[in-house]
Amino acid sequence: METTQEQKLNAQVIQKAWEDAQFMSDLKANPVAAMEKLTGHKIGLPEGQKLVVVDQSDDSTVYFNIPRKINVDSMQLTEEELELVAGGITPTFIALGYGFMAGVAVWAAAHQ
């Protein structure tokens, strides 16, 4: 599986936060500015949304993230996803798959 540009940038931010306490502090205080400064890429959040960074590096704590509820009625599917739906896979299954993969990626990054 090929690593996307977004995954590479996320890994860069995580690695820097692990290595640099000042960057970690900046990242928690103003995540968008800290990430943009580090990566040189603009982060475009939808109107009314914010980015929250939570330091989950404490080995003595187990973290559980409750993701936002996905409104499957308003999802825009790609042609490939439409093919999957036609084959019997529902949008809910696709949304859950995305959530699962995001969780796996975060877990993998935290356990390297």
Protein backbone atom coordinates (compact mmCIF):
# COMPACT_ATOMS: atom_id res chain seq x y z
CA MET A 1 0.00 0.00 0.00
CA GLU A 2 1.45 3.34 -1.05
CA THR A 3 1.84 6.08 1.55
CA THR A 4 -0.15 9.22 0.71
CA GLN A 5 1.19 12.75 1.00
CA GLU A 6 -1.16 13.33 3.95
CA GLN A 7 0.18 10.26 5.76
CA LYS A 8 3.77 11.45 5.18
CA LEU A 9 2.97 14.90 6.57
CA ASN A 10 1.17 13.39 9.58
CA ALA A 11 4.17 11.17 10.29
CA GLN A 12 6.46 14.21 10.04
CA VAL A 13 4.36 16.11 12.59
CA ILE A 14 4.23 13.15 14.99
CA GLN A 15 7.97 12.51 14.75
CA LYS A 16 8.75 16.18 15.40
CA ALA A 17 6.38 16.25 18.40
CA TRP A 18 8.10 13.19 19.89
CA GLU A 19 11.54 14.75 19.47
CA ASP A 20 10.92 18.43 20.27
CA ALA A 21 9.12 19.49 23.47
CA GLN A 22 8.74 23.09 22.26
CA PHE A 23 7.12 21.93 19.03
CA MET A 24 4.78 19.67 21.05
CA SER A 25 3.78 22.65 23.16
CA ASP A 26 3.23 24.84 20.07
CA LEU A 27 1.29 22.03 18.40
CA LYS A 28 -1.12 21.71 21.33
CA ALA A 29 -1.54 25.49 21.66
CA ASN A 30 -2.04 26.27 17.95
CA PRO A 31 -2.07 23.09 15.86
CA VAL A 32 -2.79 24.65 12.48
CA ALA A 33 0.01 27.23 12.74
CA ALA A 34 2.52 24.68 14.09
CA MET A 35 1.74 22.14 11.35
CA GLU A 36 1.81 24.72 8.57
CA LYS A 37 5.13 26.08 9.79
CA LEU A 38 6.70 22.61 10.00
CA THR A 39 5.39 21.15 6.75
CA GLY A 40 5.08 24.26 4.60
CA HIS A 41 1.59 23.11 3.58
CA LYS A 42 -1.58 25.12 4.17
CA ILE A 43 -4.23 23.35 6.23
CA GLY A 44 -7.70 24.18 4.99
CA LEU A 45 -10.31 23.38 7.60
CA PRO A 46 -13.98 23.71 6.68
CA GLU A 47 -15.74 26.81 8.03
CA GLY A 48 -16.65 26.41 11.68
CA GLN A 49 -14.29 23.49 12.34
CA LYS A 50 -11.18 23.46 14.49
CA LEU A 51 -8.22 21.13 14.83
CA VAL A 52 -7.55 19.74 18.30
CA VAL A 53 -4.30 17.97 19.20
CA VAL A 54 -4.25 15.69 22.23
CA ASP A 55 -0.95 14.35 23.51
CA GLN A 56 -1.48 10.62 23.89
CA SER A 57 2.13 9.70 24.55
CA ASP A 58 1.64 8.84 28.25
CA ASP A 59 2.24 5.07 28.52
CA SER A 60 0.24 4.86 31.75
CA THR A 61 -2.96 6.09 30.08
CA VAL A 62 -5.21 4.31 27.59
CA TYR A 63 -7.03 6.71 25.31
CA PHE A 64 -10.37 6.13 23.64
CA ASN A 65 -11.49 8.46 20.86
CA ILE A 66 -15.15 8.89 20.02
CA PRO A 67 -15.29 9.98 16.37
CA ARG A 68 -17.99 12.22 15.00
CA LYS A 69 -21.10 10.52 13.74
CA ILE A 70 -21.03 10.33 9.97
CA ASN A 71 -24.16 11.35 8.09
CA VAL A 72 -24.13 8.70 5.37
CA ASP A 73 -27.00 10.44 3.54
CA SER A 74 -24.75 13.41 2.75
CA MET A 75 -21.66 11.40 1.76
CA GLN A 76 -20.22 11.99 -1.69
CA LEU A 77 -18.97 8.69 -3.08
CA THR A 78 -16.29 8.28 -5.73
CA GLU A 79 -16.94 6.12 -8.78
CA GLU A 80 -14.92 3.33 -7.15
CA GLU A 81 -17.00 3.53 -3.98
CA LEU A 82 -20.20 3.55 -6.04
CA GLU A 83 -19.01 0.31 -7.67
CA LEU A 84 -18.54 -1.20 -4.21
CA VAL A 85 -22.02 -0.09 -3.14
CA ALA A 86 -23.47 -1.66 -6.29
CA GLY A 87 -21.64 -4.84 -5.25
CA GLY A 88 -23.36 -4.89 -1.87
CA ILE A 89 -21.12 -2.78 0.35
CA THR A 90 -23.08 -0.01 2.08
CA PRO A 91 -21.95 3.60 2.67
CA THR A 92 -22.07 2.89 6.40
CA PHE A 93 -19.57 0.06 5.91
CA ILE A 94 -17.32 2.38 3.89
CA ALA A 95 -17.54 5.07 6.59
CA LEU A 96 -16.75 2.55 9.32
CA GLY A 97 -13.83 1.28 7.24
CA TYR A 98 -12.42 4.80 6.98
CA GLY A 99 -12.78 5.25 10.73
CA PHE A 100 -11.14 1.92 11.43
CA MET A 101 -8.21 2.69 9.11
CA ALA A 102 -7.71 6.10 10.75
CA GLY A 103 -7.65 4.41 14.15
CA VAL A 104 -5.15 1.81 12.94
CA ALA A 105 -2.93 4.55 11.50
CA VAL A 106 -2.94 6.49 14.77
CA TRP A 107 -2.27 3.32 16.77
CA ALA A 108 0.57 2.32 14.45
CA ALA A 109 2.14 5.77 14.68
CA ALA A 110 1.92 5.66 18.47
CA HIS A 111 3.51 2.21 18.69
CA GLN A 112 6.55 2.62 16.44
